[in-house]
């Protein structure tokens, strides 16, 4: 009886722990960003770090690396956290909220926002 109860409890805990991890998107779920669509770091990427309700600069304010404040984010990210041309190899991309951030920050970037950041990195991560 104890063995059966332990087995049921273990199974319940496994299902519970698997259902609580919502912070990772499967790569296939990311929308495509058309090749012809221009992506500007200053206009499209950097503003994502300080949105209402999704404020990365709340923690990454210069006291925690990388510093994601406006005007400082690019130099803080490239090349230490971003491998230009390879989003999959970029620590920054791997740890975005909604993709694998190591802490519960209370929000996740949308699949569209994550795809946009990934496309910017894959296209060379230029500061334009």
N, C-alpha and C. Protein backbone atom coordinates (compact mmCIF):
# COMPACT_ATOMS: atom_id res chain seq x y z
N UNK A 1 0.82 -1.19 0.00
CA UNK A 1 0.00 0.00 0.00
C UNK A 1 0.87 1.26 0.00
N UNK A 2 1.93 1.25 0.84
CA UNK A 2 2.82 2.41 0.89
C UNK A 2 3.50 2.61 -0.46
N UNK A 3 3.87 1.53 -1.11
CA UNK A 3 4.54 1.60 -2.39
C UNK A 3 3.63 2.23 -3.44
N UNK A 4 2.36 1.84 -3.42
CA UNK A 4 1.38 2.36 -4.37
C UNK A 4 1.14 3.85 -4.11
N UNK A 5 1.01 4.24 -2.86
CA UNK A 5 0.80 5.64 -2.52
C UNK A 5 2.01 6.48 -2.92
N UNK A 6 3.20 5.95 -2.69
CA UNK A 6 4.42 6.65 -3.07
C UNK A 6 4.51 6.81 -4.58
N UNK A 7 4.12 5.80 -5.32
CA UNK A 7 4.12 5.85 -6.78
C UNK A 7 3.13 6.90 -7.28
N UNK A 8 1.96 6.93 -6.70
CA UNK A 8 0.95 7.92 -7.11
C UNK A 8 1.42 9.33 -6.77
N UNK A 9 1.96 9.51 -5.58
CA UNK A 9 2.47 10.81 -5.16
C UNK A 9 3.60 11.27 -6.08
N UNK A 10 4.51 10.37 -6.42
CA UNK A 10 5.62 10.70 -7.32
C UNK A 10 5.10 11.13 -8.68
N UNK A 11 4.12 10.40 -9.18
CA UNK A 11 3.54 10.74 -10.48
C UNK A 11 2.87 12.10 -10.47
N UNK A 12 2.14 12.39 -9.39
CA UNK A 12 1.48 13.69 -9.26
C UNK A 12 2.51 14.83 -9.19
N UNK A 13 3.56 14.64 -8.43
CA UNK A 13 4.61 15.65 -8.33
C UNK A 13 5.29 15.88 -9.67
N UNK A 14 5.53 14.83 -10.42
CA UNK A 14 6.15 14.95 -11.73
C UNK A 14 5.24 15.73 -12.67
N UNK A 15 3.96 15.41 -12.69
CA UNK A 15 3.02 16.14 -13.56
C UNK A 15 2.91 17.60 -13.14
N UNK A 16 2.88 17.86 -11.84
CA UNK A 16 2.78 19.22 -11.35
C UNK A 16 4.01 20.03 -11.74
N UNK A 17 5.19 19.47 -11.54
CA UNK A 17 6.41 20.21 -11.86
C UNK A 17 6.53 20.46 -13.34
N UNK A 18 6.11 19.54 -14.17
CA UNK A 18 6.18 19.74 -15.62
C UNK A 18 5.17 20.79 -16.07
N UNK A 19 4.02 20.86 -15.42
CA UNK A 19 3.01 21.82 -15.83
C UNK A 19 3.33 23.23 -15.38
N UNK A 20 4.17 23.40 -14.38
CA UNK A 20 4.49 24.72 -13.87
C UNK A 20 5.57 25.42 -14.69
N UNK A 21 6.29 24.71 -15.48
CA UNK A 21 7.37 25.33 -16.24
C UNK A 21 6.82 25.84 -17.56
N UNK A 22 6.49 27.13 -17.59
CA UNK A 22 5.87 27.75 -18.74
C UNK A 22 6.82 28.68 -19.46
N UNK A 23 8.04 28.80 -19.00
CA UNK A 23 8.94 29.84 -19.45
C UNK A 23 9.74 29.48 -20.70
N UNK A 24 9.41 28.41 -21.35
CA UNK A 24 10.19 28.04 -22.53
C UNK A 24 9.27 27.81 -23.72
N UNK A 25 9.58 28.50 -24.81
CA UNK A 25 8.85 28.30 -26.04
C UNK A 25 9.58 27.30 -26.91
N UNK A 26 8.84 26.51 -27.62
CA UNK A 26 9.45 25.60 -28.58
C UNK A 26 9.79 26.43 -29.81
N UNK A 27 10.98 26.24 -30.36
CA UNK A 27 11.45 27.05 -31.47
C UNK A 27 10.46 27.06 -32.64
N UNK A 28 9.78 25.95 -32.87
CA UNK A 28 8.84 25.88 -33.98
C UNK A 28 7.64 26.81 -33.78
N UNK A 29 7.37 27.23 -32.56
CA UNK A 29 6.23 28.09 -32.28
C UNK A 29 6.52 29.56 -32.60
N UNK A 30 7.77 29.92 -32.81
CA UNK A 30 8.11 31.31 -33.08
C UNK A 30 7.68 31.68 -34.49
N UNK A 31 7.02 32.82 -34.65
CA UNK A 31 6.61 33.24 -35.98
C UNK A 31 7.81 33.64 -36.82
N UNK A 32 7.65 33.56 -38.13
CA UNK A 32 8.71 33.98 -39.04
C UNK A 32 8.69 35.49 -39.19
N UNK A 33 9.85 36.08 -39.21
CA UNK A 33 10.01 37.50 -39.51
C UNK A 33 10.50 37.55 -40.95
N UNK A 34 9.72 38.11 -41.87
CA UNK A 34 10.11 38.10 -43.28
C UNK A 34 11.50 38.70 -43.49
N UNK A 35 12.26 38.08 -44.40
CA UNK A 35 13.63 38.53 -44.68
C UNK A 35 13.70 39.99 -45.07
N UNK A 36 12.72 40.47 -45.78
CA UNK A 36 12.73 41.86 -46.24
C UNK A 36 12.37 42.87 -45.16
N UNK A 37 11.87 42.41 -44.04
CA UNK A 37 11.47 43.31 -42.96
C UNK A 37 12.71 43.82 -42.24
N UNK A 38 12.92 45.13 -42.28
CA UNK A 38 14.08 45.73 -41.64
C UNK A 38 13.87 45.77 -40.12
N UNK A 39 14.91 45.43 -39.38
CA UNK A 39 14.85 45.45 -37.92
C UNK A 39 15.90 46.42 -37.41
N UNK A 40 15.45 47.40 -36.69
CA UNK A 40 16.34 48.41 -36.12
C UNK A 40 16.50 48.15 -34.63
N UNK A 41 17.74 48.12 -34.15
CA UNK A 41 17.96 47.93 -32.72
C UNK A 41 17.30 49.05 -31.93
N UNK A 42 17.57 50.29 -32.33
CA UNK A 42 17.07 51.45 -31.59
C UNK A 42 15.54 51.54 -31.61
N UNK A 43 14.93 51.21 -32.73
CA UNK A 43 13.47 51.38 -32.85
C UNK A 43 12.67 50.13 -32.50
N UNK A 44 13.22 48.95 -32.76
CA UNK A 44 12.45 47.71 -32.60
C UNK A 44 12.87 46.86 -31.41
N UNK A 45 14.16 46.78 -31.12
CA UNK A 45 14.66 45.87 -30.09
C UNK A 45 14.79 46.56 -28.74
N UNK A 46 15.53 47.64 -28.66
CA UNK A 46 15.78 48.30 -27.38
C UNK A 46 14.50 48.71 -26.64
N UNK A 47 13.46 49.19 -27.32
CA UNK A 47 12.22 49.53 -26.59
C UNK A 47 11.55 48.34 -25.90
N UNK A 48 11.83 47.12 -26.36
CA UNK A 48 11.25 45.94 -25.73
C UNK A 48 11.71 45.76 -24.29
N UNK A 49 12.86 46.34 -23.94
CA UNK A 49 13.44 46.15 -22.62
C UNK A 49 12.78 47.00 -21.54
N UNK A 50 12.00 48.00 -21.93
CA UNK A 50 11.38 48.88 -20.91
C UNK A 50 9.92 49.16 -21.23
N UNK A 51 9.17 48.11 -21.52
CA UNK A 51 7.75 48.24 -21.79
C UNK A 51 6.95 48.28 -20.49
N UNK A 52 5.75 48.83 -20.56
CA UNK A 52 4.85 48.76 -19.41
C UNK A 52 4.49 47.30 -19.18
N UNK A 53 4.70 46.82 -17.98
CA UNK A 53 4.37 45.44 -17.64
C UNK A 53 5.43 44.43 -18.02
N UNK A 54 6.38 44.81 -18.83
CA UNK A 54 7.47 43.91 -19.24
C UNK A 54 8.78 44.70 -19.19
N UNK A 55 9.15 45.12 -18.00
CA UNK A 55 10.28 46.02 -17.84
C UNK A 55 11.53 45.28 -17.40
N UNK A 56 12.39 44.95 -18.35
CA UNK A 56 13.65 44.27 -18.06
C UNK A 56 14.59 45.17 -17.26
N UNK A 57 14.47 46.48 -17.46
CA UNK A 57 15.37 47.42 -16.80
C UNK A 57 15.07 47.54 -15.31
N UNK A 58 14.00 46.93 -14.87
CA UNK A 58 13.69 46.90 -13.43
C UNK A 58 14.84 46.21 -12.68
N UNK A 59 15.41 45.17 -13.27
CA UNK A 59 16.55 44.47 -12.67
C UNK A 59 17.86 44.81 -13.38
N UNK A 60 17.80 44.88 -14.71
CA UNK A 60 19.00 45.14 -15.51
C UNK A 60 19.18 46.65 -15.68
N UNK A 61 19.46 47.30 -14.55
CA UNK A 61 19.51 48.75 -14.48
C UNK A 61 20.92 49.30 -14.29
N UNK A 62 21.90 48.49 -14.61
CA UNK A 62 23.29 48.88 -14.40
C UNK A 62 23.90 48.18 -13.21
N UNK A 63 23.05 47.70 -12.30
CA UNK A 63 23.57 46.97 -11.15
C UNK A 63 23.63 45.47 -11.43
N UNK A 64 22.94 45.02 -12.48
CA UNK A 64 22.93 43.62 -12.90
C UNK A 64 23.27 43.56 -14.38
N UNK A 65 24.19 42.70 -14.75
CA UNK A 65 24.55 42.55 -16.17
C UNK A 65 23.55 41.67 -16.88
N UNK A 66 23.29 41.94 -18.14
CA UNK A 66 23.69 43.13 -18.88
C UNK A 66 22.81 44.33 -18.56
N UNK A 67 23.39 45.51 -18.68
CA UNK A 67 22.67 46.76 -18.46
C UNK A 67 21.77 47.01 -19.67
N UNK A 68 20.46 46.95 -19.49
CA UNK A 68 19.53 47.06 -20.61
C UNK A 68 18.85 48.43 -20.69
N UNK A 69 19.41 49.42 -20.01
CA UNK A 69 18.83 50.76 -20.10
C UNK A 69 19.04 51.34 -21.49
N UNK A 70 18.09 52.18 -21.88
CA UNK A 70 18.14 52.84 -23.19
C UNK A 70 19.48 53.56 -23.32
N UNK A 71 20.11 53.37 -24.46
CA UNK A 71 21.39 54.00 -24.74
C UNK A 71 22.60 53.21 -24.27
N UNK A 72 22.38 52.19 -23.47
CA UNK A 72 23.48 51.38 -22.95
C UNK A 72 23.37 49.91 -23.36
N UNK A 73 22.20 49.50 -23.75
CA UNK A 73 21.91 48.08 -23.98
C UNK A 73 22.78 47.45 -25.06
N UNK A 74 22.95 48.12 -26.19
CA UNK A 74 23.69 47.50 -27.28
C UNK A 74 25.11 47.14 -26.86
N UNK A 75 25.82 48.08 -26.29
CA UNK A 75 27.21 47.82 -25.88
C UNK A 75 27.30 46.81 -24.75
N UNK A 76 26.25 46.71 -23.95
CA UNK A 76 26.24 45.72 -22.87
C UNK A 76 25.97 44.31 -23.41
N UNK A 77 25.26 44.21 -24.53
CA UNK A 77 24.88 42.91 -25.08
C UNK A 77 25.90 42.33 -26.05
N UNK A 78 26.37 43.18 -26.97
CA UNK A 78 27.23 42.70 -28.05
C UNK A 78 28.67 43.06 -27.73
N UNK A 79 29.60 42.15 -27.72
CA UNK A 79 29.56 40.73 -28.07
C UNK A 79 29.46 39.79 -26.87
N UNK A 80 29.33 40.31 -25.65
CA UNK A 80 29.38 39.45 -24.46
C UNK A 80 28.20 38.49 -24.33
N UNK A 81 27.00 38.92 -24.72
CA UNK A 81 25.80 38.09 -24.55
C UNK A 81 25.15 37.72 -25.87
N UNK A 82 25.56 38.37 -26.96
CA UNK A 82 24.97 38.13 -28.27
C UNK A 82 26.07 37.71 -29.24
N UNK A 83 25.85 36.57 -29.90
CA UNK A 83 26.75 36.11 -30.96
C UNK A 83 26.10 36.55 -32.26
N UNK A 84 26.63 37.63 -32.84
CA UNK A 84 26.05 38.18 -34.06
C UNK A 84 25.97 37.09 -35.14
N UNK A 85 24.77 36.94 -35.71
CA UNK A 85 24.56 35.94 -36.75
C UNK A 85 24.08 34.60 -36.23
N UNK A 86 24.00 34.42 -34.91
CA UNK A 86 23.63 33.11 -34.36
C UNK A 86 22.83 33.26 -33.07
N UNK A 87 21.52 33.43 -33.21
CA UNK A 87 20.67 33.60 -32.04
C UNK A 87 20.72 32.39 -31.13
N UNK A 88 20.73 31.20 -31.71
CA UNK A 88 20.71 29.97 -30.91
C UNK A 88 21.93 29.87 -30.00
N UNK A 89 23.05 30.45 -30.39
CA UNK A 89 24.27 30.40 -29.59
C UNK A 89 24.40 31.59 -28.65
N UNK A 90 23.45 32.51 -28.70
CA UNK A 90 23.51 33.73 -27.90
C UNK A 90 22.87 33.53 -26.53
N UNK A 91 23.64 33.74 -25.49
CA UNK A 91 23.13 33.60 -24.13
C UNK A 91 21.93 34.51 -23.90
N UNK A 92 21.98 35.72 -24.43
CA UNK A 92 20.87 36.65 -24.29
C UNK A 92 19.57 36.05 -24.84
N UNK A 93 19.62 35.50 -26.02
CA UNK A 93 18.43 34.92 -26.66
C UNK A 93 17.93 33.71 -25.89
N UNK A 94 18.84 32.89 -25.42
CA UNK A 94 18.46 31.67 -24.68
C UNK A 94 17.75 31.99 -23.37
N UNK A 95 18.06 33.14 -22.77
CA UNK A 95 17.54 33.45 -21.43
C UNK A 95 16.49 34.56 -21.41
N UNK A 96 15.88 34.84 -22.55
CA UNK A 96 14.82 35.84 -22.57
C UNK A 96 13.64 35.39 -21.72
N UNK A 97 12.94 36.31 -21.05
CA UNK A 97 11.72 35.92 -20.35
C UNK A 97 10.72 35.35 -21.36
N UNK A 98 10.32 34.13 -21.14
CA UNK A 98 9.45 33.45 -22.09
C UNK A 98 10.20 32.41 -22.89
N UNK A 99 11.50 32.34 -22.67
CA UNK A 99 12.32 31.40 -23.41
C UNK A 99 13.24 30.58 -22.50
N UNK A 100 13.50 31.01 -21.31
CA UNK A 100 14.39 30.27 -20.42
C UNK A 100 15.06 31.13 -19.38
N UNK A 101 14.45 32.26 -19.05
CA UNK A 101 15.04 33.14 -18.03
C UNK A 101 15.18 32.35 -16.72
N UNK A 102 16.33 32.49 -16.05
CA UNK A 102 16.58 31.68 -14.86
C UNK A 102 15.72 32.05 -13.65
N UNK A 103 15.03 33.19 -13.69
CA UNK A 103 14.21 33.62 -12.56
C UNK A 103 12.79 33.90 -13.05
N UNK A 104 11.84 33.81 -12.14
CA UNK A 104 10.47 34.20 -12.45
C UNK A 104 10.40 35.71 -12.35
N UNK A 105 10.36 36.38 -13.48
CA UNK A 105 10.35 37.84 -13.50
C UNK A 105 8.93 38.41 -13.57
N UNK A 106 7.93 37.54 -13.61
CA UNK A 106 6.55 37.98 -13.59
C UNK A 106 5.97 38.30 -14.95
N UNK A 107 6.74 38.10 -15.99
CA UNK A 107 6.22 38.33 -17.34
C UNK A 107 7.03 37.49 -18.32
N UNK A 108 6.50 37.36 -19.50
CA UNK A 108 7.22 36.69 -20.59
C UNK A 108 7.06 37.54 -21.83
N UNK A 109 8.10 37.61 -22.62
CA UNK A 109 7.98 38.28 -23.91
C UNK A 109 7.09 37.43 -24.80
N UNK A 110 6.40 38.06 -25.71
CA UNK A 110 5.53 37.32 -26.63
C UNK A 110 6.38 36.56 -27.64
N UNK A 111 5.79 35.59 -28.29
CA UNK A 111 6.49 34.83 -29.33
C UNK A 111 6.95 35.77 -30.45
N UNK A 112 6.15 36.78 -30.78
CA UNK A 112 6.52 37.75 -31.81
C UNK A 112 7.75 38.55 -31.38
N UNK A 113 7.79 38.98 -30.12
CA UNK A 113 8.93 39.75 -29.61
C UNK A 113 10.19 38.90 -29.59
N UNK A 114 10.07 37.65 -29.16
CA UNK A 114 11.21 36.74 -29.14
C UNK A 114 11.70 36.48 -30.56
N UNK A 115 10.78 36.27 -31.49
CA UNK A 115 11.16 36.04 -32.89
C UNK A 115 11.86 37.26 -33.47
N UNK A 116 11.40 38.45 -33.12
CA UNK A 116 12.02 39.68 -33.61
C UNK A 116 13.46 39.80 -33.10
N UNK A 117 13.67 39.54 -31.82
CA UNK A 117 15.02 39.58 -31.26
C UNK A 117 15.90 38.52 -31.92
N UNK A 118 15.37 37.31 -32.10
CA UNK A 118 16.12 36.25 -32.77
C UNK A 118 16.50 36.62 -34.19
N UNK A 119 15.57 37.21 -34.92
CA UNK A 119 15.85 37.62 -36.31
C UNK A 119 16.91 38.72 -36.33
N UNK A 120 16.83 39.66 -35.39
CA UNK A 120 17.83 40.74 -35.32
C UNK A 120 19.22 40.13 -35.09
N UNK A 121 19.33 39.19 -34.19
CA UNK A 121 20.63 38.55 -33.92
C UNK A 121 21.09 37.77 -35.15
N UNK A 122 20.21 36.94 -35.71
CA UNK A 122 20.58 36.12 -36.88
C UNK A 122 21.01 36.97 -38.06
N UNK A 123 20.49 38.17 -38.16
CA UNK A 123 20.82 39.05 -39.28
C UNK A 123 22.06 39.90 -39.00
N UNK A 124 22.76 39.64 -37.93
CA UNK A 124 24.03 40.30 -37.68
C UNK A 124 24.07 41.18 -36.46
N UNK A 125 22.96 41.37 -35.76
CA UNK A 125 22.91 42.15 -34.51
C UNK A 125 23.56 43.53 -34.66
N UNK A 126 23.16 44.23 -35.69
CA UNK A 126 23.75 45.55 -35.94
C UNK A 126 23.09 46.61 -35.07
N UNK A 127 23.85 47.65 -34.78
CA UNK A 127 23.37 48.78 -33.97
C UNK A 127 22.89 49.86 -34.93
N UNK A 128 21.67 49.70 -35.41
CA UNK A 128 21.12 50.68 -36.37
C UNK A 128 19.84 51.28 -35.86
